[in-house]
Amino acid sequence: MSRPILCIGSYAKEPYHIEKIGRNVYCIEELCYCIVKNAFLIDEETFDGSLFDWIERECSLTKLADELRSMAAKRCSMASLAGTILDYVGYNTRKEVDRTEEILRANAGMDVYRKKLARAEFLMKNGRFSMAFREYEFLLNNTPEIDKKLRGRIEHNEGVMFARLFLFDKAAMMFQKAYEDGGERESYLQYLSAVRMNLSNKEYVSFIADSDEAYEASMDVESRMKEAEELYASSEDNLMLRKVALYKAEGKMHEYYDQVGEITDGMKRDYRDMVKDKVK
């Protein structure tokens, strides 16, 4: 059984918006949750006077707010500020607090470019694609004499995100750039995969027939496609779709439409989360 959590302070009438993670919080416990879960995204700008004012005004935690203002005046680190909030509230475990402080201390030692790269990769892995795109585009447009390997790595990751958004033409373009800049075979294989998803079977066969390199690599692509199909065949998503098909075949149309509605609503929510800010 989980340990009981005694909430402190007031529930805010006006939320605090954490710009770096694009989220509103309404109580001090929710703030703690966001700090711990998004430690890679937090920086010095997060712990400013507006946060301390919100903690005092909306959460009725004057003592905590005053302590944070005093620490900020002494130029204490963001790891210390975060640790003070987490310790005061007691929402998180000791292990979570220590890990968060460790991440924040490591982030403080990074230059802006390494910090943005770490953030972008964290955002990508957590499905926050629009925010990850912004970080990657900043790096591509503002890093002086960016290393070609790094450029290729960024372009490859952008290709992954476009593919996950079903924008296979854009994915293919980014994977091709990644291969040209980084020279990684994986980028080329992903390029072919994106091309395959964007063309008919006839068009794809014609495409790979014109290049010895493409033809040889396509063997690996087909092997991966077969493996993916086998994994999908045993997945929960596929089992759910089979269940829906069975409802329809048996004439259970009420259950059929209910299940289809649930599936499509879930897919819409997931997609909206991924493209919360329009990807250009």
Foldseek 3Di string as FASTA:
>chain_A
DDDDFDFAFAFFPDWDAQVQVGDTGGELLVVLVCLLVQLLRDAPVRLDLVVLVCCCPGRVCPVLSVVSVVCVVVVHAVLVNSLSSCVVRVNDDPVSNVVSSVSSVVLVPDDPLVSLVSNLVVCLVVLQAVSSVVSLVCNVVPPPPDQLLVQLVSLQSNLVLCVVLVVLVSSLVSLVSSCVRNVDVVSVLSNLLSVPSVDDPVVSVVVQVVDPVSVVSVVVNVVVVVVVVVVVCPDPVVVLVVVLVVCVVVVVVVVNVVSVVVVVVVVVVSSCSNCVDPDD
